[in-house]
């Protein structure tokens, strides 16, 4: 595929250059503060939640819950 240059093509209603997002120090700091902890660290948050769930499931009262459920059947 070739692109011919110089055949009097006109570009109208173009958004080239309008989509550039210039990040200054102030703009990037404000954007960084706007994100929540969960948006900035999703993997760390999922590890913390899974560890807390695992520790909760290790409690000994689950034996009584399992015995109750088995007793229903």
PDB file of N, CA and C in Angstrom:
ATOM      1  N   UNK A   1       0.849  -1.162   0.000  1.00  0.00           N
ATOM      2  CA  UNK A   1       0.000   0.000   0.000  1.00  0.00           C
ATOM      3  C   UNK A   1       0.898   1.230   0.000  1.00  0.00           C
ATOM      4  N   UNK A   2       0.622   2.125  -0.917  1.00  0.00           N
ATOM      5  CA  UNK A   2       1.429   3.334  -1.047  1.00  0.00           C
ATOM      6  C   UNK A   2       0.611   4.548  -0.640  1.00  0.00           C
ATOM      7  N   UNK A   3       1.301   5.525  -0.131  1.00  0.00           N
ATOM      8  CA  UNK A   3       0.690   6.808   0.182  1.00  0.00           C
ATOM      9  C   UNK A   3       1.315   7.846  -0.730  1.00  0.00           C
ATOM     10  N   UNK A   4       0.475   8.493  -1.492  1.00  0.00           N
ATOM     11  CA  UNK A   4       0.970   9.525  -2.392  1.00  0.00           C
ATOM     12  C   UNK A   4       0.978  10.853  -1.661  1.00  0.00           C
ATOM     13  N   UNK A   5       2.087  11.542  -1.709  1.00  0.00           N
ATOM     14  CA  UNK A   5       2.225  12.839  -1.067  1.00  0.00           C
ATOM     15  C   UNK A   5       2.315  13.900  -2.158  1.00  0.00           C
ATOM     16  N   UNK A   6       1.571  14.951  -1.996  1.00  0.00           N
ATOM     17  CA  UNK A   6       1.661  16.053  -2.923  1.00  0.00           C
ATOM     18  C   UNK A   6       0.605  16.063  -3.997  1.00  0.00           C
ATOM     19  N   UNK A   7      -0.483  15.314  -3.805  1.00  0.00           N
ATOM     20  CA  UNK A   7      -1.542  15.337  -4.814  1.00  0.00           C
ATOM     21  C   UNK A   7      -2.698  16.239  -4.394  1.00  0.00           C
ATOM     22  N   UNK A   8      -2.374  17.295  -3.653  1.00  0.00           N
ATOM     23  CA  UNK A   8      -3.321  18.332  -3.227  1.00  0.00           C
ATOM     24  C   UNK A   8      -4.441  17.799  -2.335  1.00  0.00           C
ATOM     25  N   UNK A   9      -4.130  16.813  -1.497  1.00  0.00           N
ATOM     26  CA  UNK A   9      -5.123  16.342  -0.527  1.00  0.00           C
ATOM     27  C   UNK A   9      -5.245  17.361   0.595  1.00  0.00           C
ATOM     28  N   UNK A  10      -6.458  17.591   1.026  1.00  0.00           N
ATOM     29  CA  UNK A  10      -6.725  18.533   2.106  1.00  0.00           C
ATOM     30  C   UNK A  10      -7.237  17.746   3.310  1.00  0.00           C
ATOM     31  N   UNK A  11      -6.753  18.101   4.480  1.00  0.00           N
ATOM     32  CA  UNK A  11      -7.230  17.482   5.713  1.00  0.00           C
ATOM     33  C   UNK A  11      -8.122  18.492   6.415  1.00  0.00           C
ATOM     34  N   UNK A  12      -9.387  18.103   6.617  1.00  0.00           N
ATOM     35  CA  UNK A  12     -10.351  18.978   7.261  1.00  0.00           C
ATOM     36  C   UNK A  12     -10.940  18.275   8.476  1.00  0.00           C
ATOM     37  N   UNK A  13     -11.297  19.041   9.466  1.00  0.00           N
ATOM     38  CA  UNK A  13     -11.913  18.544  10.701  1.00  0.00           C
ATOM     39  C   UNK A  13     -11.072  17.451  11.345  1.00  0.00           C
ATOM     40  N   UNK A  14      -9.796  17.663  11.383  1.00  0.00           N
ATOM     41  CA  UNK A  14      -8.885  16.687  11.976  1.00  0.00           C
ATOM     42  C   UNK A  14      -8.667  17.014  13.438  1.00  0.00           C
ATOM     43  N   UNK A  15      -8.441  15.978  14.230  1.00  0.00           N
ATOM     44  CA  UNK A  15      -8.177  16.190  15.650  1.00  0.00           C
ATOM     45  C   UNK A  15      -6.721  15.857  15.982  1.00  0.00           C
ATOM     46  N   UNK A  16      -5.871  15.876  14.995  1.00  0.00           N
ATOM     47  CA  UNK A  16      -4.458  15.613  15.228  1.00  0.00           C
ATOM     48  C   UNK A  16      -3.893  16.765  16.052  1.00  0.00           C
ATOM     49  N   UNK A  17      -3.213  16.437  17.131  1.00  0.00           N
ATOM     50  CA  UNK A  17      -2.651  17.463  17.993  1.00  0.00           C
ATOM     51  C   UNK A  17      -3.572  17.865  19.114  1.00  0.00           C
ATOM     52  N   UNK A  18      -4.854  17.606  18.995  1.00  0.00           N
ATOM     53  CA  UNK A  18      -5.800  17.940  20.052  1.00  0.00           C
ATOM     54  C   UNK A  18      -5.928  16.810  21.063  1.00  0.00           C
ATOM     55  N   UNK A  19      -5.404  15.649  20.719  1.00  0.00           N
ATOM     56  CA  UNK A  19      -5.515  14.501  21.603  1.00  0.00           C
ATOM     57  C   UNK A  19      -4.281  14.341  22.485  1.00  0.00           C
ATOM     58  N   UNK A  20      -3.310  15.179  22.324  1.00  0.00           N
ATOM     59  CA  UNK A  20      -2.094  15.074  23.114  1.00  0.00           C
ATOM     60  C   UNK A  20      -2.388  15.549  24.521  1.00  0.00           C
ATOM     61  N   UNK A  21      -2.023  14.732  25.484  1.00  0.00           N
ATOM     62  CA  UNK A  21      -2.226  15.077  26.887  1.00  0.00           C
ATOM     63  C   UNK A  21      -0.867  15.414  27.473  1.00  0.00           C
ATOM     64  N   UNK A  22      -0.631  16.696  27.688  1.00  0.00           N
ATOM     65  CA  UNK A  22       0.647  17.143  28.220  1.00  0.00           C
ATOM     66  C   UNK A  22       0.587  17.034  29.733  1.00  0.00           C
ATOM     67  N   UNK A  23       1.445  16.179  30.300  1.00  0.00           N
ATOM     68  CA  UNK A  23       1.477  15.979  31.744  1.00  0.00           C
ATOM     69  C   UNK A  23       2.565  16.847  32.351  1.00  0.00           C
ATOM     70  N   UNK A  24       2.144  17.872  33.031  1.00  0.00           N
ATOM     71  CA  UNK A  24       3.093  18.673  33.792  1.00  0.00           C
ATOM     72  C   UNK A  24       3.215  18.055  35.167  1.00  0.00           C
ATOM     73  N   UNK A  25       4.135  18.518  35.954  1.00  0.00           N
ATOM     74  CA  UNK A  25       4.314  17.978  37.289  1.00  0.00           C
ATOM     75  C   UNK A  25       3.062  18.158  38.137  1.00  0.00           C
ATOM     76  N   UNK A  26       2.427  19.316  38.024  1.00  0.00           N
ATOM     77  CA  UNK A  26       1.232  19.591  38.817  1.00  0.00           C
ATOM     78  C   UNK A  26       0.071  18.712  38.369  1.00  0.00           C
ATOM     79  N   UNK A  27      -0.098  18.530  37.064  1.00  0.00           N
ATOM     80  CA  UNK A  27      -1.194  17.731  36.532  1.00  0.00           C
ATOM     81  C   UNK A  27      -1.033  16.268  36.925  1.00  0.00           C
ATOM     82  N   UNK A  28       0.180  15.750  36.873  1.00  0.00           N
ATOM     83  CA  UNK A  28       0.389  14.351  37.224  1.00  0.00           C
ATOM     84  C   UNK A  28       0.213  14.115  38.720  1.00  0.00           C
ATOM     85  N   UNK A  29       0.565  15.100  39.555  1.00  0.00           N
ATOM     86  CA  UNK A  29       0.360  14.962  40.997  1.00  0.00           C
ATOM     87  C   UNK A  29      -1.128  14.943  41.319  1.00  0.00           C
ATOM     88  N   UNK A  30      -1.903  15.806  40.687  1.00  0.00           N
ATOM     89  CA  UNK A  30      -3.341  15.837  40.936  1.00  0.00           C
ATOM     90  C   UNK A  30      -3.997  14.559  40.463  1.00  0.00           C
ATOM     91  N   UNK A  31      -3.573  14.030  39.344  1.00  0.00           N
ATOM     92  CA  UNK A  31      -4.139  12.796  38.819  1.00  0.00           C
ATOM     93  C   UNK A  31      -3.771  11.630  39.726  1.00  0.00           C
ATOM     94  N   UNK A  32      -2.560  11.631  40.268  1.00  0.00           N
ATOM     95  CA  UNK A  32      -2.124  10.555  41.148  1.00  0.00           C
ATOM     96  C   UNK A  32      -2.918  10.563  42.448  1.00  0.00           C
ATOM     97  N   UNK A  33      -3.238  11.721  42.971  1.00  0.00           N
ATOM     98  CA  UNK A  33      -4.005  11.825  44.206  1.00  0.00           C
ATOM     99  C   UNK A  33      -5.457  11.436  43.994  1.00  0.00           C
ATOM    100  N   UNK A  34      -5.968  11.600  42.786  1.00  0.00           N
ATOM    101  CA  UNK A  34      -7.373  11.314  42.510  1.00  0.00           C
ATOM    102  C   UNK A  34      -7.638   9.810  42.497  1.00  0.00           C
ATOM    103  N   UNK A  35      -6.636   9.008  42.187  1.00  0.00           N
ATOM    104  CA  UNK A  35      -6.829   7.566  42.156  1.00  0.00           C
ATOM    105  C   UNK A  35      -6.874   7.021  43.575  1.00  0.00           C
ATOM    106  N   UNK A  36      -7.763   6.064  43.782  1.00  0.00           N
ATOM    107  CA  UNK A  36      -7.856   5.464  45.104  1.00  0.00           C
ATOM    108  C   UNK A  36      -6.753   4.418  45.276  1.00  0.00           C
ATOM    109  N   UNK A  37      -6.614   3.936  46.501  1.00  0.00           N
ATOM    110  CA  UNK A  37      -5.598   2.927  46.788  1.00  0.00           C
ATOM    111  C   UNK A  37      -5.867   1.658  45.980  1.00  0.00           C
ATOM    112  N   UNK A  38      -7.139   1.294  45.835  1.00  0.00           N
ATOM    113  CA  UNK A  38      -7.496   0.085  45.091  1.00  0.00           C
ATOM    114  C   UNK A  38      -7.164   0.216  43.606  1.00  0.00           C
ATOM    115  N   UNK A  39      -7.290   1.405  43.055  1.00  0.00           N
ATOM    116  CA  UNK A  39      -6.967   1.605  41.649  1.00  0.00           C
ATOM    117  C   UNK A  39      -5.469   1.617  41.419  1.00  0.00           C
ATOM    118  N   UNK A  40      -4.714   2.073  42.402  1.00  0.00           N
ATOM    119  CA  UNK A  40      -3.266   2.140  42.234  1.00  0.00           C
ATOM    120  C   UNK A  40      -2.583   0.814  42.530  1.00  0.00           C
ATOM    121  N   UNK A  41      -3.157  -0.011  43.433  1.00  0.00           N
ATOM    122  CA  UNK A  41      -2.512  -1.252  43.856  1.00  0.00           C
ATOM    123  C   UNK A  41      -3.502  -2.418  43.856  1.00  0.00           C
ATOM    124  N   UNK A  42      -4.018  -2.831  42.708  1.00  0.00           N
ATOM    125  CA  UNK A  42      -5.030  -3.899  42.713  1.00  0.00           C
ATOM    126  C   UNK A  42      -4.464  -5.261  43.109  1.00  0.00           C
ATOM    127  N   UNK A  43      -3.234  -5.554  42.738  1.00  0.00           N
ATOM    128  CA  UNK A  43      -2.648  -6.860  43.056  1.00  0.00           C
ATOM    129  C   UNK A  43      -2.367  -6.953  44.552  1.00  0.00           C
ATOM    130  N   UNK A  44      -1.810  -5.899  45.126  1.00  0.00           N
ATOM    131  CA  UNK A  44      -1.522  -5.895  46.555  1.00  0.00           C
ATOM    132  C   UNK A  44      -2.809  -6.028  47.361  1.00  0.00           C
ATOM    133  N   UNK A  45      -3.852  -5.341  46.955  1.00  0.00           N
ATOM    134  CA  UNK A  45      -5.125  -5.408  47.651  1.00  0.00           C
ATOM    135  C   UNK A  45      -5.734  -6.810  47.550  1.00  0.00           C
ATOM    136  N   UNK A  46      -5.635  -7.450  46.397  1.00  0.00           N
ATOM    137  CA  UNK A  46      -6.179  -8.803  46.261  1.00  0.00           C
ATOM    138  C   UNK A  46      -5.403  -9.804  47.107  1.00  0.00           C
ATOM    139  N   UNK A  47      -4.095  -9.621  47.244  1.00  0.00           N
ATOM    140  CA  UNK A  47      -3.302 -10.501  48.103  1.00  0.00           C
ATOM    141  C   UNK A  47      -3.706 -10.319  49.566  1.00  0.00           C
ATOM    142  N   UNK A  48      -3.884  -9.077  49.988  1.00  0.00           N
ATOM    143  CA  UNK A  48      -4.281  -8.806  51.378  1.00  0.00           C
ATOM    144  C   UNK A  48      -5.650  -9.405  51.676  1.00  0.00           C
ATOM    145  N   UNK A  49      -6.589  -9.256  50.763  1.00  0.00           N
ATOM    146  CA  UNK A  49      -7.939  -9.791  50.970  1.00  0.00           C
ATOM    147  C   UNK A  49      -7.919 -11.316  51.005  1.00  0.00           C
ATOM    148  N   UNK A  50      -7.165 -11.939  50.120  1.00  0.00           N
ATOM    149  CA  UNK A  50      -7.117 -13.402  50.106  1.00  0.00           C
ATOM    150  C   UNK A  50      -6.431 -13.947  51.357  1.00  0.00           C
ATOM    151  N   UNK A  51      -5.400 -13.254  51.848  1.00  0.00           N
ATOM    152  CA  UNK A  51      -4.748 -13.695  53.092  1.00  0.00           C
ATOM    153  C   UNK A  51      -5.708 -13.569  54.272  1.00  0.00           C
ATOM    154  N   UNK A  52      -6.453 -12.478  54.352  1.00  0.00           N
ATOM    155  CA  UNK A  52      -7.407 -12.293  55.447  1.00  0.00           C
ATOM    156  C   UNK A  52      -8.509 -13.349  55.381  1.00  0.00           C
ATOM    157  N   UNK A  53      -8.975 -13.675  54.197  1.00  0.00           N
ATOM    158  CA  UNK A  53      -9.999 -14.704  54.039  1.00  0.00           C
ATOM    159  C   UNK A  53      -9.452 -16.065  54.444  1.00  0.00           C
ATOM    160  N   UNK A  54      -8.224 -16.365  54.054  1.00  0.00           N
ATOM    161  CA  UNK A  54      -7.609 -17.635  54.433  1.00  0.00           C
ATOM    162  C   UNK A  54      -7.437 -17.772  55.926  1.00  0.00           C
ATOM    163  N   UNK A  55      -7.035 -16.714  56.595  1.00  0.00           N
ATOM    164  CA  UNK A  55      -6.882 -16.756  58.054  1.00  0.00           C
ATOM    165  C   UNK A  55      -8.242 -16.928  58.722  1.00  0.00           C
ATOM    166  N   UNK A  56      -9.260 -16.261  58.201  1.00  0.00           N
ATOM    167  CA  UNK A  56     -10.611 -16.392  58.750  1.00  0.00           C
ATOM    168  C   UNK A  56     -11.124 -17.823  58.624  1.00  0.00           C
ATOM    169  N   UNK A  57     -10.815 -18.476  57.509  1.00  0.00           N
ATOM    170  CA  UNK A  57     -11.291 -19.842  57.298  1.00  0.00           C
ATOM    171  C   UNK A  57     -10.536 -20.863  58.146  1.00  0.00           C
ATOM    172  N   UNK A  58      -9.425 -20.482  58.728  1.00  0.00           N
ATOM    173  CA  UNK A  58      -8.669 -21.394  59.585  1.00  0.00           C
ATOM    174  C   UNK A  58      -9.214 -21.463  61.012  1.00  0.00           C
ATOM    175  N   UNK A  59     -10.160 -20.604  61.381  1.00  0.00           N
ATOM    176  CA  UNK A  59     -10.692 -20.619  62.736  1.00  0.00           C
ATOM    177  C   UNK A  59     -11.352 -21.961  63.031  1.00  0.00           C
ATOM    178  N   UNK A  60     -11.319 -22.340  64.279  1.00  0.00           N
ATOM    179  CA  UNK A  60     -11.776 -23.676  64.661  1.00  0.00           C
ATOM    180  C   UNK A  60     -13.298 -23.817  64.691  1.00  0.00           C
ATOM    181  N   UNK A  61     -14.051 -22.726  64.694  1.00  0.00           N
ATOM    182  CA  UNK A  61     -15.500 -22.863  64.778  1.00  0.00           C
ATOM    183  C   UNK A  61     -16.097 -23.476  63.517  1.00  0.00           C
ATOM    184  N   UNK A  62     -15.341 -23.554  62.439  1.00  0.00           N
ATOM    185  CA  UNK A  62     -15.857 -24.152  61.211  1.00  0.00           C
ATOM    186  C   UNK A  62     -16.157 -25.629  61.412  1.00  0.00           C
ATOM    187  N   UNK A  63     -15.479 -26.277  62.377  1.00  0.00           N
ATOM    188  CA  UNK A  63     -15.752 -27.685  62.662  1.00  0.00           C
ATOM    189  C   UNK A  63     -17.203 -27.834  63.105  1.00  0.00           C
ATOM    190  N   UNK A  64     -17.667 -26.907  63.937  1.00  0.00           N
ATOM    191  CA  UNK A  64     -19.052 -26.967  64.418  1.00  0.00           C
ATOM    192  C   UNK A  64     -20.038 -26.690  63.288  1.00  0.00           C
ATOM    193  N   UNK A  65     -19.698 -25.793  62.402  1.00  0.00           N
ATOM    194  CA  UNK A  65     -20.555 -25.495  61.259  1.00  0.00           C
ATOM    195  C   UNK A  65     -20.648 -26.710  60.351  1.00  0.00           C
ATOM    196  N   UNK A  66     -19.531 -27.368  60.094  1.00  0.00           N
ATOM    197  CA  UNK A  66     -19.522 -28.553  59.240  1.00  0.00           C
ATOM    198  C   UNK A  66     -20.309 -29.682  59.886  1.00  0.00           C
ATOM    199  N   UNK A  67     -20.130 -29.865  61.192  1.00  0.00           N
ATOM    200  CA  UNK A  67     -20.896 -30.910  61.886  1.00  0.00           C
ATOM    201  C   UNK A  67     -22.394 -30.627  61.828  1.00  0.00           C
ATOM    202  N   UNK A  68     -22.783 -29.365  61.944  1.00  0.00           N
ATOM    203  CA  UNK A  68     -24.203 -29.006  61.864  1.00  0.00           C
ATOM    204  C   UNK A  68     -24.755 -29.306  60.468  1.00  0.00           C
ATOM    205  N   UNK A  69     -24.002 -28.936  59.436  1.00  0.00           N
ATOM    206  CA  UNK A  69     -24.469 -29.176  58.068  1.00  0.00           C
ATOM    207  C   UNK A  69     -24.553 -30.672  57.784  1.00  0.00           C
ATOM    208  N   UNK A  70     -23.569 -31.441  58.259  1.00  0.00           N
ATOM    209  CA  UNK A  70     -23.618 -32.900  58.066  1.00  0.00           C
ATOM    210  C   UNK A  70     -24.762 -33.520  58.834  1.00  0.00           C
ATOM    211  N   UNK A  71     -25.101 -32.929  59.976  1.00  0.00           N
ATOM    212  CA  UNK A  71     -26.223 -33.444  60.772  1.00  0.00           C
ATOM    213  C   UNK A  71     -27.568 -33.224  60.096  1.00  0.00           C
ATOM    214  N   UNK A  72     -27.651 -32.233  59.207  1.00  0.00           N
ATOM    215  CA  UNK A  72     -28.904 -31.991  58.486  1.00  0.00           C
ATOM    216  C   UNK A  72     -29.209 -33.094  57.477  1.00  0.00           C
ATOM    217  N   UNK A  73     -28.172 -33.757  56.992  1.00  0.00           N
ATOM    218  CA  UNK A  73     -28.376 -34.779  55.985  1.00  0.00           C
ATOM    219  C   UNK A  73     -28.244 -36.108  56.635  1.00  0.00           C
TER     220      UNK A  73
END
